[in-house]
Amino acid sequence: MDRHGLSERRACDLAGLHRSVFQYEKQDGGDEALRKRLRELANERRRFGYRRLGILLARVGIE
């Protein structure tokens, strides 16, 4: 945008992006402990789906 002197709206239009996609900033959820435990459970019990893993997490008090 700076190099070619384009507005954000024009640059997004040329690139085929919606402006909300361009403006998006990832928010840190602060749930690293939950993600780590979920990955551990998923590796231990590969056949379990997300619902069953959620139940296992709830049993140990993580929601």
PDB file of N, CA and C in Angstrom:
ATOM      1  N   MET A   1       0.830  -1.179   0.000  1.00  0.00           N
ATOM      2  CA  MET A   1       0.000   0.000   0.000  1.00  0.00           C
ATOM      3  C   MET A   1       0.878   1.249   0.000  1.00  0.00           C
ATOM      4  N   ASP A   2       1.906   1.245   0.840  1.00  0.00           N
ATOM      5  CA  ASP A   2       2.772   2.412   0.918  1.00  0.00           C
ATOM      6  C   ASP A   2       3.552   2.618  -0.375  1.00  0.00           C
ATOM      7  N   ARG A   3       4.058   1.545  -0.909  1.00  0.00           N
ATOM      8  CA  ARG A   3       4.902   1.630  -2.100  1.00  0.00           C
ATOM      9  C   ARG A   3       4.136   2.185  -3.300  1.00  0.00           C
ATOM     10  N   HIS A   4       2.879   1.763  -3.446  1.00  0.00           N
ATOM     11  CA  HIS A   4       2.112   2.166  -4.621  1.00  0.00           C
ATOM     12  C   HIS A   4       1.105   3.277  -4.321  1.00  0.00           C
ATOM     13  N   GLY A   5       1.070   3.731  -3.076  1.00  0.00           N
ATOM     14  CA  GLY A   5       0.176   4.824  -2.719  1.00  0.00           C
ATOM     15  C   GLY A   5      -1.299   4.472  -2.786  1.00  0.00           C
ATOM     16  N   LEU A   6      -1.617   3.234  -2.421  1.00  0.00           N
ATOM     17  CA  LEU A   6      -3.004   2.787  -2.465  1.00  0.00           C
ATOM     18  C   LEU A   6      -3.637   2.847  -1.085  1.00  0.00           C
ATOM     19  N   SER A   7      -4.928   3.055  -1.082  1.00  0.00           N
ATOM     20  CA  SER A   7      -5.664   2.969   0.174  1.00  0.00           C
ATOM     21  C   SER A   7      -5.843   1.499   0.539  1.00  0.00           C
ATOM     22  N   GLU A   8      -6.169   1.270   1.792  1.00  0.00           N
ATOM     23  CA  GLU A   8      -6.409  -0.110   2.242  1.00  0.00           C
ATOM     24  C   GLU A   8      -7.560  -0.733   1.465  1.00  0.00           C
ATOM     25  N   ARG A   9      -8.600   0.035   1.271  1.00  0.00           N
ATOM     26  CA  ARG A   9      -9.773  -0.476   0.545  1.00  0.00           C
ATOM     27  C   ARG A   9      -9.406  -0.871  -0.882  1.00  0.00           C
ATOM     28  N   ARG A  10      -8.666  -0.027  -1.565  1.00  0.00           N
ATOM     29  CA  ARG A  10      -8.288  -0.308  -2.954  1.00  0.00           C
ATOM     30  C   ARG A  10      -7.342  -1.504  -3.037  1.00  0.00           C
ATOM     31  N   ALA A  11      -6.363  -1.570  -2.129  1.00  0.00           N
ATOM     32  CA  ALA A  11      -5.404  -2.672  -2.143  1.00  0.00           C
ATOM     33  C   ALA A  11      -6.103  -4.003  -1.891  1.00  0.00           C
ATOM     34  N   CYS A  12      -7.022  -4.019  -0.961  1.00  0.00           N
ATOM     35  CA  CYS A  12      -7.762  -5.252  -0.672  1.00  0.00           C
ATOM     36  C   CYS A  12      -8.632  -5.648  -1.858  1.00  0.00           C
ATOM     37  N   ASP A  13      -9.229  -4.663  -2.505  1.00  0.00           N
ATOM     38  CA  ASP A  13     -10.057  -4.942  -3.668  1.00  0.00           C
ATOM     39  C   ASP A  13      -9.217  -5.555  -4.786  1.00  0.00           C
ATOM     40  N   LEU A  14      -8.031  -5.006  -5.015  1.00  0.00           N
ATOM     41  CA  LEU A  14      -7.155  -5.545  -6.055  1.00  0.00           C
ATOM     42  C   LEU A  14      -6.667  -6.948  -5.729  1.00  0.00           C
ATOM     43  N   ALA A  15      -6.420  -7.214  -4.443  1.00  0.00           N
ATOM     44  CA  ALA A  15      -5.926  -8.522  -4.023  1.00  0.00           C
ATOM     45  C   ALA A  15      -7.049  -9.547  -3.878  1.00  0.00           C
ATOM     46  N   GLY A  16      -8.290  -9.071  -3.901  1.00  0.00           N
ATOM     47  CA  GLY A  16      -9.421  -9.978  -3.751  1.00  0.00           C
ATOM     48  C   GLY A  16      -9.665 -10.391  -2.309  1.00  0.00           C
ATOM     49  N   LEU A  17      -9.245  -9.556  -1.372  1.00  0.00           N
ATOM     50  CA  LEU A  17      -9.427  -9.833   0.051  1.00  0.00           C
ATOM     51  C   LEU A  17     -10.525  -8.953   0.624  1.00  0.00           C
ATOM     52  N   HIS A  18     -11.249  -9.481   1.568  1.00  0.00           N
ATOM     53  CA  HIS A  18     -12.168  -8.659   2.326  1.00  0.00           C
ATOM     54  C   HIS A  18     -11.349  -7.865   3.337  1.00  0.00           C
ATOM     55  N   ARG A  19     -11.746  -6.638   3.593  1.00  0.00           N
ATOM     56  CA  ARG A  19     -10.948  -5.794   4.488  1.00  0.00           C
ATOM     57  C   ARG A  19     -10.845  -6.369   5.904  1.00  0.00           C
ATOM     58  N   SER A  20     -11.877  -7.067   6.345  1.00  0.00           N
ATOM     59  CA  SER A  20     -11.826  -7.648   7.688  1.00  0.00           C
ATOM     60  C   SER A  20     -10.747  -8.721   7.787  1.00  0.00           C
ATOM     61  N   VAL A  21     -10.487  -9.418   6.683  1.00  0.00           N
ATOM     62  CA  VAL A  21      -9.418 -10.423   6.662  1.00  0.00           C
ATOM     63  C   VAL A  21      -8.067  -9.730   6.775  1.00  0.00           C
ATOM     64  N   PHE A  22      -7.911  -8.624   6.093  1.00  0.00           N
ATOM     65  CA  PHE A  22      -6.657  -7.872   6.135  1.00  0.00           C
ATOM     66  C   PHE A  22      -6.411  -7.289   7.529  1.00  0.00           C
ATOM     67  N   GLN A  23      -7.454  -6.847   8.191  1.00  0.00           N
ATOM     68  CA  GLN A  23      -7.326  -6.178   9.481  1.00  0.00           C
ATOM     69  C   GLN A  23      -7.270  -7.146  10.660  1.00  0.00           C
ATOM     70  N   TYR A  24      -7.506  -8.424  10.421  1.00  0.00           N
ATOM     71  CA  TYR A  24      -7.575  -9.422  11.494  1.00  0.00           C
ATOM     72  C   TYR A  24      -6.269  -9.506  12.266  1.00  0.00           C
ATOM     73  N   GLU A  25      -6.362  -9.512  13.590  1.00  0.00           N
ATOM     74  CA  GLU A  25      -5.211  -9.730  14.454  1.00  0.00           C
ATOM     75  C   GLU A  25      -5.537 -10.878  15.387  1.00  0.00           C
ATOM     76  N   LYS A  26      -4.681 -11.876  15.396  1.00  0.00           N
ATOM     77  CA  LYS A  26      -4.899 -13.038  16.237  1.00  0.00           C
ATOM     78  C   LYS A  26      -4.849 -12.630  17.707  1.00  0.00           C
ATOM     79  N   GLN A  27      -5.774 -13.151  18.470  1.00  0.00           N
ATOM     80  CA  GLN A  27      -5.822 -12.864  19.902  1.00  0.00           C
ATOM     81  C   GLN A  27      -5.316 -14.073  20.661  1.00  0.00           C
ATOM     82  N   ASP A  28      -4.441 -13.825  21.610  1.00  0.00           N
ATOM     83  CA  ASP A  28      -3.909 -14.907  22.430  1.00  0.00           C
ATOM     84  C   ASP A  28      -4.972 -15.338  23.424  1.00  0.00           C
ATOM     85  N   GLY A  29      -5.360 -16.600  23.336  1.00  0.00           N
ATOM     86  CA  GLY A  29      -6.411 -17.110  24.202  1.00  0.00           C
ATOM     87  C   GLY A  29      -5.930 -17.454  25.597  1.00  0.00           C
ATOM     88  N   GLY A  30      -4.611 -17.587  25.775  1.00  0.00           N
ATOM     89  CA  GLY A  30      -4.075 -17.906  27.091  1.00  0.00           C
ATOM     90  C   GLY A  30      -4.421 -19.318  27.537  1.00  0.00           C
ATOM     91  N   ASP A  31      -4.585 -20.234  26.604  1.00  0.00           N
ATOM     92  CA  ASP A  31      -4.998 -21.589  26.952  1.00  0.00           C
ATOM     93  C   ASP A  31      -3.934 -22.617  26.587  1.00  0.00           C
ATOM     94  N   GLU A  32      -2.696 -22.262  26.759  1.00  0.00           N
ATOM     95  CA  GLU A  32      -1.600 -23.173  26.399  1.00  0.00           C
ATOM     96  C   GLU A  32      -1.618 -24.460  27.219  1.00  0.00           C
ATOM     97  N   ALA A  33      -1.932 -24.369  28.506  1.00  0.00           N
ATOM     98  CA  ALA A  33      -1.983 -25.564  29.344  1.00  0.00           C
ATOM     99  C   ALA A  33      -3.064 -26.528  28.839  1.00  0.00           C
ATOM    100  N   LEU A  34      -4.200 -25.978  28.483  1.00  0.00           N
ATOM    101  CA  LEU A  34      -5.296 -26.792  27.953  1.00  0.00           C
ATOM    102  C   LEU A  34      -4.893 -27.445  26.636  1.00  0.00           C
ATOM    103  N   ARG A  35      -4.274 -26.681  25.750  1.00  0.00           N
ATOM    104  CA  ARG A  35      -3.851 -27.222  24.451  1.00  0.00           C
ATOM    105  C   ARG A  35      -2.824 -28.334  24.630  1.00  0.00           C
ATOM    106  N   LYS A  36      -1.895 -28.121  25.551  1.00  0.00           N
ATOM    107  CA  LYS A  36      -0.855 -29.123  25.794  1.00  0.00           C
ATOM    108  C   LYS A  36      -1.473 -30.422  26.307  1.00  0.00           C
ATOM    109  N   ARG A  37      -2.372 -30.312  27.272  1.00  0.00           N
ATOM    110  CA  ARG A  37      -3.013 -31.506  27.843  1.00  0.00           C
ATOM    111  C   ARG A  37      -3.877 -32.212  26.800  1.00  0.00           C
ATOM    112  N   LEU A  38      -4.560 -31.430  25.963  1.00  0.00           N
ATOM    113  CA  LEU A  38      -5.394 -32.013  24.918  1.00  0.00           C
ATOM    114  C   LEU A  38      -4.545 -32.784  23.915  1.00  0.00           C
ATOM    115  N   ARG A  39      -3.405 -32.242  23.550  1.00  0.00           N
ATOM    116  CA  ARG A  39      -2.508 -32.950  22.634  1.00  0.00           C
ATOM    117  C   ARG A  39      -1.987 -34.237  23.260  1.00  0.00           C
ATOM    118  N   GLU A  40      -1.660 -34.187  24.553  1.00  0.00           N
ATOM    119  CA  GLU A  40      -1.174 -35.387  25.248  1.00  0.00           C
ATOM    120  C   GLU A  40      -2.247 -36.476  25.228  1.00  0.00           C
ATOM    121  N   LEU A  41      -3.479 -36.095  25.575  1.00  0.00           N
ATOM    122  CA  LEU A  41      -4.574 -37.067  25.572  1.00  0.00           C
ATOM    123  C   LEU A  41      -4.831 -37.614  24.172  1.00  0.00           C
ATOM    124  N   ALA A  42      -4.784 -36.746  23.174  1.00  0.00           N
ATOM    125  CA  ALA A  42      -5.038 -37.181  21.800  1.00  0.00           C
ATOM    126  C   ALA A  42      -3.956 -38.147  21.326  1.00  0.00           C
ATOM    127  N   ASN A  43      -2.725 -37.944  21.771  1.00  0.00           N
ATOM    128  CA  ASN A  43      -1.653 -38.863  21.389  1.00  0.00           C
ATOM    129  C   ASN A  43      -1.767 -40.198  22.121  1.00  0.00           C
ATOM    130  N   GLU A  44      -2.243 -40.162  23.360  1.00  0.00           N
ATOM    131  CA  GLU A  44      -2.420 -41.397  24.119  1.00  0.00           C
ATOM    132  C   GLU A  44      -3.583 -42.217  23.565  1.00  0.00           C
ATOM    133  N   ARG A  45      -4.650 -41.543  23.206  1.00  0.00           N
ATOM    134  CA  ARG A  45      -5.877 -42.202  22.774  1.00  0.00           C
ATOM    135  C   ARG A  45      -6.266 -41.711  21.382  1.00  0.00           C
ATOM    136  N   ARG A  46      -5.561 -42.220  20.404  1.00  0.00           N
ATOM    137  CA  ARG A  46      -5.692 -41.735  19.023  1.00  0.00           C
ATOM    138  C   ARG A  46      -7.086 -41.932  18.425  1.00  0.00           C
ATOM    139  N   ARG A  47      -7.810 -42.913  18.897  1.00  0.00           N
ATOM    140  CA  ARG A  47      -9.119 -43.186  18.296  1.00  0.00           C
ATOM    141  C   ARG A  47     -10.229 -42.334  18.881  1.00  0.00           C
ATOM    142  N   PHE A  48      -9.947 -41.603  19.949  1.00  0.00           N
ATOM    143  CA  PHE A  48     -10.972 -40.785  20.588  1.00  0.00           C
ATOM    144  C   PHE A  48     -11.197 -39.515  19.779  1.00  0.00           C
ATOM    145  N   GLY A  49     -12.435 -39.098  19.675  1.00  0.00           N
ATOM    146  CA  GLY A  49     -12.786 -37.859  18.992  1.00  0.00           C
ATOM    147  C   GLY A  49     -12.764 -36.688  19.963  1.00  0.00           C
ATOM    148  N   TYR A  50     -13.102 -35.528  19.458  1.00  0.00           N
ATOM    149  CA  TYR A  50     -13.032 -34.329  20.282  1.00  0.00           C
ATOM    150  C   TYR A  50     -14.037 -34.350  21.422  1.00  0.00           C
ATOM    151  N   ARG A  51     -15.181 -34.981  21.211  1.00  0.00           N
ATOM    152  CA  ARG A  51     -16.169 -35.028  22.291  1.00  0.00           C
ATOM    153  C   ARG A  51     -15.690 -35.877  23.455  1.00  0.00           C
ATOM    154  N   ARG A  52     -15.136 -37.018  23.137  1.00  0.00           N
ATOM    155  CA  ARG A  52     -14.659 -37.907  24.190  1.00  0.00           C
ATOM    156  C   ARG A  52     -13.450 -37.312  24.897  1.00  0.00           C
ATOM    157  N   LEU A  53     -12.567 -36.660  24.138  1.00  0.00           N
ATOM    158  CA  LEU A  53     -11.423 -35.990  24.760  1.00  0.00           C
ATOM    159  C   LEU A  53     -11.896 -34.862  25.676  1.00  0.00           C
ATOM    160  N   GLY A  54     -12.955 -34.183  25.268  1.00  0.00           N
ATOM    161  CA  GLY A  54     -13.539 -33.129  26.114  1.00  0.00           C
ATOM    162  C   GLY A  54     -14.055 -33.690  27.424  1.00  0.00           C
ATOM    163  N   ILE A  55     -14.638 -34.867  27.360  1.00  0.00           N
ATOM    164  CA  ILE A  55     -15.141 -35.517  28.577  1.00  0.00           C
ATOM    165  C   ILE A  55     -13.981 -35.874  29.491  1.00  0.00           C
ATOM    166  N   LEU A  56     -12.888 -36.398  28.906  1.00  0.00           N
ATOM    167  CA  LEU A  56     -11.726 -36.724  29.717  1.00  0.00           C
ATOM    168  C   LEU A  56     -11.127 -35.486  30.380  1.00  0.00           C
ATOM    169  N   LEU A  57     -11.095 -34.390  29.654  1.00  0.00           N
ATOM    170  CA  LEU A  57     -10.584 -33.146  30.230  1.00  0.00           C
ATOM    171  C   LEU A  57     -11.489 -32.673  31.365  1.00  0.00           C
ATOM    172  N   ALA A  58     -12.800 -32.799  31.173  1.00  0.00           N
ATOM    173  CA  ALA A  58     -13.737 -32.367  32.215  1.00  0.00           C
ATOM    174  C   ALA A  58     -13.578 -33.205  33.477  1.00  0.00           C
ATOM    175  N   ARG A  59     -13.268 -34.476  33.308  1.00  0.00           N
ATOM    176  CA  ARG A  59     -13.105 -35.350  34.478  1.00  0.00           C
ATOM    177  C   ARG A  59     -11.933 -34.920  35.355  1.00  0.00           C
ATOM    178  N   VAL A  60     -10.878 -34.402  34.737  1.00  0.00           N
ATOM    179  CA  VAL A  60      -9.726 -33.964  35.520  1.00  0.00           C
ATOM    180  C   VAL A  60      -9.845 -32.503  35.917  1.00  0.00           C
ATOM    181  N   GLY A  61     -10.970 -31.865  35.555  1.00  0.00           N
ATOM    182  CA  GLY A  61     -11.238 -30.502  36.011  1.00  0.00           C
ATOM    183  C   GLY A  61     -10.773 -29.410  35.070  1.00  0.00           C
ATOM    184  N   ILE A  62     -10.458 -29.761  33.844  1.00  0.00           N
ATOM    185  CA  ILE A  62     -10.082 -28.736  32.876  1.00  0.00           C
ATOM    186  C   ILE A  62     -11.226 -28.586  31.897  1.00  0.00           C
ATOM    187  N   GLU A  63     -11.714 -27.354  31.741  1.00  0.00           N
ATOM    188  CA  GLU A  63     -12.826 -27.128  30.804  1.00  0.00           C
ATOM    189  C   GLU A  63     -12.517 -26.023  29.880  1.00  0.00           C
TER     190      GLU A  63
END
